[in-house]
Amino acid sequence: MEGAELKSIRLKLGLSAEGFARLVGAADGAHVRKWERTAVPPPVAVLAKALRDSDAVRSYFGVTLAVTSE
């Protein structure tokens, strides 16, 4: 997963970098912003894709997809 894809997923979930960091157990939003510029750790990539693709996973973590006007 490229960093831009992670950022896209994070934004679709309506999460700040800090909020996404809390969700995945990262130290802080700075780590998330770094991943968005460089390589995304495989476990984070798997979770991000699951959050994007699965209603059940989003429900488990208590997040929803943000409404966009695309």
PDB file of N, CA and C in Angstrom:
ATOM      1  N   MET A   1       0.848  -1.175   0.000  1.00  0.00           N
ATOM      2  CA  MET A   1       0.000   0.000   0.000  1.00  0.00           C
ATOM      3  C   MET A   1       0.894   1.239   0.000  1.00  0.00           C
ATOM      4  N   GLU A   2       0.548   2.172  -0.857  1.00  0.00           N
ATOM      5  CA  GLU A   2       1.245   3.457  -0.906  1.00  0.00           C
ATOM      6  C   GLU A   2       0.658   4.388   0.158  1.00  0.00           C
ATOM      7  N   GLY A   3       1.454   5.338   0.581  1.00  0.00           N
ATOM      8  CA  GLY A   3       1.013   6.284   1.594  1.00  0.00           C
ATOM      9  C   GLY A   3      -0.222   7.062   1.192  1.00  0.00           C
ATOM     10  N   ALA A   4      -0.320   7.413  -0.101  1.00  0.00           N
ATOM     11  CA  ALA A   4      -1.478   8.168  -0.576  1.00  0.00           C
ATOM     12  C   ALA A   4      -2.773   7.369  -0.394  1.00  0.00           C
ATOM     13  N   GLU A   5      -2.706   6.052  -0.560  1.00  0.00           N
ATOM     14  CA  GLU A   5      -3.892   5.216  -0.373  1.00  0.00           C
ATOM     15  C   GLU A   5      -4.296   5.194   1.097  1.00  0.00           C
ATOM     16  N   LEU A   6      -3.312   5.118   1.992  1.00  0.00           N
ATOM     17  CA  LEU A   6      -3.617   5.162   3.420  1.00  0.00           C
ATOM     18  C   LEU A   6      -4.299   6.476   3.774  1.00  0.00           C
ATOM     19  N   LYS A   7      -3.772   7.579   3.264  1.00  0.00           N
ATOM     20  CA  LYS A   7      -4.373   8.889   3.553  1.00  0.00           C
ATOM     21  C   LYS A   7      -5.794   8.956   3.015  1.00  0.00           C
ATOM     22  N   SER A   8      -6.011   8.434   1.826  1.00  0.00           N
ATOM     23  CA  SER A   8      -7.354   8.420   1.247  1.00  0.00           C
ATOM     24  C   SER A   8      -8.329   7.642   2.127  1.00  0.00           C
ATOM     25  N   ILE A   9      -7.913   6.486   2.599  1.00  0.00           N
ATOM     26  CA  ILE A   9      -8.766   5.671   3.471  1.00  0.00           C
ATOM     27  C   ILE A   9      -9.034   6.412   4.773  1.00  0.00           C
ATOM     28  N   ARG A  10      -7.996   6.987   5.365  1.00  0.00           N
ATOM     29  CA  ARG A  10      -8.154   7.724   6.620  1.00  0.00           C
ATOM     30  C   ARG A  10      -9.164   8.852   6.462  1.00  0.00           C
ATOM     31  N   LEU A  11      -9.054   9.582   5.362  1.00  0.00           N
ATOM     32  CA  LEU A  11      -9.983  10.688   5.129  1.00  0.00           C
ATOM     33  C   LEU A  11     -11.402  10.184   4.888  1.00  0.00           C
ATOM     34  N   LYS A  12     -11.547   9.062   4.168  1.00  0.00           N
ATOM     35  CA  LYS A  12     -12.881   8.485   3.952  1.00  0.00           C
ATOM     36  C   LYS A  12     -13.516   8.044   5.261  1.00  0.00           C
ATOM     37  N   LEU A  13     -12.683   7.689   6.235  1.00  0.00           N
ATOM     38  CA  LEU A  13     -13.191   7.312   7.554  1.00  0.00           C
ATOM     39  C   LEU A  13     -13.458   8.545   8.415  1.00  0.00           C
ATOM     40  N   GLY A  14     -13.097   9.719   7.913  1.00  0.00           N
ATOM     41  CA  GLY A  14     -13.324  10.949   8.650  1.00  0.00           C
ATOM     42  C   GLY A  14     -12.424  11.103   9.865  1.00  0.00           C
ATOM     43  N   LEU A  15     -11.232  10.499   9.809  1.00  0.00           N
ATOM     44  CA  LEU A  15     -10.325  10.510  10.958  1.00  0.00           C
ATOM     45  C   LEU A  15      -9.149  11.451  10.721  1.00  0.00           C
ATOM     46  N   SER A  16      -8.752  12.139  11.778  1.00  0.00           N
ATOM     47  CA  SER A  16      -7.506  12.892  11.745  1.00  0.00           C
ATOM     48  C   SER A  16      -6.362  11.895  11.834  1.00  0.00           C
ATOM     49  N   ALA A  17      -5.156  12.373  11.603  1.00  0.00           N
ATOM     50  CA  ALA A  17      -3.992  11.498  11.756  1.00  0.00           C
ATOM     51  C   ALA A  17      -3.906  10.992  13.191  1.00  0.00           C
ATOM     52  N   GLU A  18      -4.227  11.855  14.144  1.00  0.00           N
ATOM     53  CA  GLU A  18      -4.206  11.457  15.550  1.00  0.00           C
ATOM     54  C   GLU A  18      -5.269  10.401  15.845  1.00  0.00           C
ATOM     55  N   GLY A  19      -6.455  10.582  15.286  1.00  0.00           N
ATOM     56  CA  GLY A  19      -7.529   9.609  15.484  1.00  0.00           C
ATOM     57  C   GLY A  19      -7.186   8.256  14.880  1.00  0.00           C
ATOM     58  N   PHE A  20      -6.595   8.273  13.688  1.00  0.00           N
ATOM     59  CA  PHE A  20      -6.196   7.012  13.060  1.00  0.00           C
ATOM     60  C   PHE A  20      -5.093   6.350  13.879  1.00  0.00           C
ATOM     61  N   ALA A  21      -4.171   7.154  14.420  1.00  0.00           N
ATOM     62  CA  ALA A  21      -3.101   6.604  15.256  1.00  0.00           C
ATOM     63  C   ALA A  21      -3.686   5.873  16.462  1.00  0.00           C
ATOM     64  N   ARG A  22      -4.679   6.471  17.119  1.00  0.00           N
ATOM     65  CA  ARG A  22      -5.326   5.809  18.261  1.00  0.00           C
ATOM     66  C   ARG A  22      -5.976   4.508  17.821  1.00  0.00           C
ATOM     67  N   LEU A  23      -6.610   4.524  16.655  1.00  0.00           N
ATOM     68  CA  LEU A  23      -7.312   3.339  16.157  1.00  0.00           C
ATOM     69  C   LEU A  23      -6.358   2.173  15.912  1.00  0.00           C
ATOM     70  N   VAL A  24      -5.185   2.458  15.365  1.00  0.00           N
ATOM     71  CA  VAL A  24      -4.250   1.375  15.015  1.00  0.00           C
ATOM     72  C   VAL A  24      -3.172   1.150  16.070  1.00  0.00           C
ATOM     73  N   GLY A  25      -3.196   1.925  17.152  1.00  0.00           N
ATOM     74  CA  GLY A  25      -2.227   1.729  18.223  1.00  0.00           C
ATOM     75  C   GLY A  25      -0.868   2.358  17.966  1.00  0.00           C
ATOM     76  N   ALA A  26      -0.828   3.350  17.090  1.00  0.00           N
ATOM     77  CA  ALA A  26       0.429   4.061  16.839  1.00  0.00           C
ATOM     78  C   ALA A  26       0.645   5.102  17.935  1.00  0.00           C
ATOM     79  N   ALA A  27       1.873   5.530  18.085  1.00  0.00           N
ATOM     80  CA  ALA A  27       2.217   6.470  19.153  1.00  0.00           C
ATOM     81  C   ALA A  27       1.494   7.807  19.005  1.00  0.00           C
ATOM     82  N   ASP A  28       1.424   8.310  17.770  1.00  0.00           N
ATOM     83  CA  ASP A  28       0.797   9.610  17.557  1.00  0.00           C
ATOM     84  C   ASP A  28       0.542   9.842  16.069  1.00  0.00           C
ATOM     85  N   GLY A  29      -0.088  10.961  15.783  1.00  0.00           N
ATOM     86  CA  GLY A  29      -0.407  11.292  14.400  1.00  0.00           C
ATOM     87  C   GLY A  29       0.813  11.508  13.530  1.00  0.00           C
ATOM     88  N   ALA A  30       1.933  11.874  14.135  1.00  0.00           N
ATOM     89  CA  ALA A  30       3.160  12.063  13.349  1.00  0.00           C
ATOM     90  C   ALA A  30       3.570  10.768  12.666  1.00  0.00           C
ATOM     91  N   HIS A  31       3.365   9.639  13.339  1.00  0.00           N
ATOM     92  CA  HIS A  31       3.675   8.347  12.718  1.00  0.00           C
ATOM     93  C   HIS A  31       2.789   8.115  11.497  1.00  0.00           C
ATOM     94  N   VAL A  32       1.510   8.427  11.627  1.00  0.00           N
ATOM     95  CA  VAL A  32       0.576   8.233  10.512  1.00  0.00           C
ATOM     96  C   VAL A  32       0.963   9.133   9.353  1.00  0.00           C
ATOM     97  N   ARG A  33       1.278  10.390   9.618  1.00  0.00           N
ATOM     98  CA  ARG A  33       1.672  11.304   8.546  1.00  0.00           C
ATOM     99  C   ARG A  33       2.961  10.824   7.870  1.00  0.00           C
ATOM    100  N   LYS A  34       3.874  10.245   8.640  1.00  0.00           N
ATOM    101  CA  LYS A  34       5.105   9.693   8.049  1.00  0.00           C
ATOM    102  C   LYS A  34       4.763   8.541   7.105  1.00  0.00           C
ATOM    103  N   TRP A  35       3.879   7.637   7.561  1.00  0.00           N
ATOM    104  CA  TRP A  35       3.479   6.516   6.699  1.00  0.00           C
ATOM    105  C   TRP A  35       2.845   7.031   5.417  1.00  0.00           C
ATOM    106  N   GLU A  36       2.098   8.134   5.512  1.00  0.00           N
ATOM    107  CA  GLU A  36       1.434   8.683   4.327  1.00  0.00           C
ATOM    108  C   GLU A  36       2.435   9.257   3.329  1.00  0.00           C
ATOM    109  N   ARG A  37       3.646   9.533   3.780  1.00  0.00           N
ATOM    110  CA  ARG A  37       4.705  10.040   2.888  1.00  0.00           C
ATOM    111  C   ARG A  37       5.670   8.944   2.459  1.00  0.00           C
ATOM    112  N   THR A  38       5.696   7.829   3.177  1.00  0.00           N
ATOM    113  CA  THR A  38       6.682   6.777   2.914  1.00  0.00           C
ATOM    114  C   THR A  38       5.972   5.428   2.840  1.00  0.00           C
ATOM    115  N   ALA A  39       6.569   4.416   3.434  1.00  0.00           N
ATOM    116  CA  ALA A  39       6.007   3.063   3.399  1.00  0.00           C
ATOM    117  C   ALA A  39       5.035   2.846   4.557  1.00  0.00           C
ATOM    118  N   VAL A  40       3.962   2.136   4.263  1.00  0.00           N
ATOM    119  CA  VAL A  40       2.963   1.789   5.273  1.00  0.00           C
ATOM    120  C   VAL A  40       3.289   0.403   5.811  1.00  0.00           C
ATOM    121  N   PRO A  41       3.420   0.242   7.145  1.00  0.00           N
ATOM    122  CA  PRO A  41       3.688  -1.093   7.694  1.00  0.00           C
ATOM    123  C   PRO A  41       2.583  -2.081   7.280  1.00  0.00           C
ATOM    124  N   PRO A  42       2.957  -3.306   6.895  1.00  0.00           N
ATOM    125  CA  PRO A  42       1.961  -4.268   6.419  1.00  0.00           C
ATOM    126  C   PRO A  42       0.750  -4.464   7.350  1.00  0.00           C
ATOM    127  N   PRO A  43       0.929  -4.580   8.671  1.00  0.00           N
ATOM    128  CA  PRO A  43      -0.265  -4.767   9.509  1.00  0.00           C
ATOM    129  C   PRO A  43      -1.229  -3.570   9.438  1.00  0.00           C
ATOM    130  N   VAL A  44      -0.678  -2.369   9.329  1.00  0.00           N
ATOM    131  CA  VAL A  44      -1.519  -1.175   9.219  1.00  0.00           C
ATOM    132  C   VAL A  44      -2.229  -1.173   7.868  1.00  0.00           C
ATOM    133  N   ALA A  45      -1.545  -1.576   6.818  1.00  0.00           N
ATOM    134  CA  ALA A  45      -2.159  -1.633   5.490  1.00  0.00           C
ATOM    135  C   ALA A  45      -3.330  -2.612   5.470  1.00  0.00           C
ATOM    136  N   VAL A  46      -3.151  -3.765   6.091  1.00  0.00           N
ATOM    137  CA  VAL A  46      -4.232  -4.763   6.132  1.00  0.00           C
ATOM    138  C   VAL A  46      -5.440  -4.205   6.880  1.00  0.00           C
ATOM    139  N   LEU A  47      -5.199  -3.582   8.035  1.00  0.00           N
ATOM    140  CA  LEU A  47      -6.307  -3.019   8.809  1.00  0.00           C
ATOM    141  C   LEU A  47      -6.984  -1.883   8.052  1.00  0.00           C
ATOM    142  N   ALA A  48      -6.210  -1.027   7.416  1.00  0.00           N
ATOM    143  CA  ALA A  48      -6.791   0.088   6.661  1.00  0.00           C
ATOM    144  C   ALA A  48      -7.690  -0.423   5.538  1.00  0.00           C
ATOM    145  N   LYS A  49      -7.225  -1.427   4.815  1.00  0.00           N
ATOM    146  CA  LYS A  49      -8.041  -1.988   3.727  1.00  0.00           C
ATOM    147  C   LYS A  49      -9.304  -2.652   4.275  1.00  0.00           C
ATOM    148  N   ALA A  50      -9.185  -3.328   5.412  1.00  0.00           N
ATOM    149  CA  ALA A  50     -10.361  -3.961   6.023  1.00  0.00           C
ATOM    150  C   ALA A  50     -11.361  -2.902   6.463  1.00  0.00           C
ATOM    151  N   LEU A  51     -10.872  -1.804   7.014  1.00  0.00           N
ATOM    152  CA  LEU A  51     -11.768  -0.718   7.417  1.00  0.00           C
ATOM    153  C   LEU A  51     -12.465  -0.098   6.212  1.00  0.00           C
ATOM    154  N   ARG A  52     -11.755   0.013   5.105  1.00  0.00           N
ATOM    155  CA  ARG A  52     -12.341   0.567   3.887  1.00  0.00           C
ATOM    156  C   ARG A  52     -13.406  -0.361   3.302  1.00  0.00           C
ATOM    157  N   ASP A  53     -13.144  -1.678   3.334  1.00  0.00           N
ATOM    158  CA  ASP A  53     -13.952  -2.630   2.580  1.00  0.00           C
ATOM    159  C   ASP A  53     -15.037  -3.358   3.367  1.00  0.00           C
ATOM    160  N   SER A  54     -14.981  -3.350   4.689  1.00  0.00           N
ATOM    161  CA  SER A  54     -15.874  -4.207   5.468  1.00  0.00           C
ATOM    162  C   SER A  54     -16.725  -3.431   6.467  1.00  0.00           C
ATOM    163  N   ASP A  55     -18.042  -3.522   6.283  1.00  0.00           N
ATOM    164  CA  ASP A  55     -18.968  -2.922   7.251  1.00  0.00           C
ATOM    165  C   ASP A  55     -18.753  -3.521   8.636  1.00  0.00           C
ATOM    166  N   ALA A  56     -18.511  -4.819   8.695  1.00  0.00           N
ATOM    167  CA  ALA A  56     -18.346  -5.502   9.982  1.00  0.00           C
ATOM    168  C   ALA A  56     -17.111  -4.995  10.725  1.00  0.00           C
ATOM    169  N   VAL A  57     -16.031  -4.787  10.000  1.00  0.00           N
ATOM    170  CA  VAL A  57     -14.806  -4.286  10.638  1.00  0.00           C
ATOM    171  C   VAL A  57     -15.023  -2.854  11.115  1.00  0.00           C
ATOM    172  N   ARG A  58     -15.653  -2.022  10.288  1.00  0.00           N
ATOM    173  CA  ARG A  58     -15.937  -0.650  10.725  1.00  0.00           C
ATOM    174  C   ARG A  58     -16.837  -0.653  11.949  1.00  0.00           C
ATOM    175  N   SER A  59     -17.837  -1.511  11.960  1.00  0.00           N
ATOM    176  CA  SER A  59     -18.728  -1.601  13.110  1.00  0.00           C
ATOM    177  C   SER A  59     -17.971  -2.017  14.362  1.00  0.00           C
ATOM    178  N   TYR A  60     -17.093  -2.996  14.236  1.00  0.00           N
ATOM    179  CA  TYR A  60     -16.313  -3.478  15.370  1.00  0.00           C
ATOM    180  C   TYR A  60     -15.485  -2.346  15.981  1.00  0.00           C
ATOM    181  N   PHE A  61     -14.881  -1.523  15.120  1.00  0.00           N
ATOM    182  CA  PHE A  61     -14.028  -0.438  15.603  1.00  0.00           C
ATOM    183  C   PHE A  61     -14.804   0.849  15.866  1.00  0.00           C
ATOM    184  N   GLY A  62     -16.091   0.847  15.552  1.00  0.00           N
ATOM    185  CA  GLY A  62     -16.918   2.005  15.832  1.00  0.00           C
ATOM    186  C   GLY A  62     -16.675   3.195  14.938  1.00  0.00           C
ATOM    187  N   VAL A  63     -16.344   2.941  13.664  1.00  0.00           N
ATOM    188  CA  VAL A  63     -16.137   4.015  12.705  1.00  0.00           C
ATOM    189  C   VAL A  63     -17.062   3.805  11.512  1.00  0.00           C
ATOM    190  N   THR A  64     -17.312   4.868  10.789  1.00  0.00           N
ATOM    191  CA  THR A  64     -18.127   4.801   9.580  1.00  0.00           C
ATOM    192  C   THR A  64     -17.385   5.521   8.457  1.00  0.00           C
ATOM    193  N   LEU A  65     -17.814   5.275   7.245  1.00  0.00           N
ATOM    194  CA  LEU A  65     -17.253   6.020   6.117  1.00  0.00           C
ATOM    195  C   LEU A  65     -17.880   7.402   6.123  1.00  0.00           C
ATOM    196  N   ALA A  66     -17.062   8.418   5.886  1.00  0.00           N
ATOM    197  CA  ALA A  66     -17.543   9.784   5.818  1.00  0.00           C
ATOM    198  C   ALA A  66     -18.348   9.957   4.530  1.00  0.00           C
ATOM    199  N   VAL A  67     -19.363  10.761   4.605  1.00  0.00           N
ATOM    200  CA  VAL A  67     -20.172  11.079   3.425  1.00  0.00           C
ATOM    201  C   VAL A  67     -19.403  12.095   2.601  1.00  0.00           C
ATOM    202  N   THR A  68     -19.210  11.780   1.314  1.00  0.00           N
ATOM    203  CA  THR A  68     -18.503  12.709   0.425  1.00  0.00           C
ATOM    204  C   THR A  68     -19.435  13.086  -0.716  1.00  0.00           C
ATOM    205  N   SER A  69     -19.153  14.210  -1.325  1.00  0.00           N
ATOM    206  CA  SER A  69     -19.957  14.663  -2.462  1.00  0.00           C
ATOM    207  C   SER A  69     -19.184  14.470  -3.755  1.00  0.00           C
ATOM    208  N   GLU A  70     -18.782  13.225  -4.026  1.00  0.00           N
ATOM    209  CA  GLU A  70     -18.008  12.924  -5.231  1.00  0.00           C
ATOM    210  C   GLU A  70     -18.913  12.753  -6.410  1.00  0.00           C
TER     211      GLU A  70
END
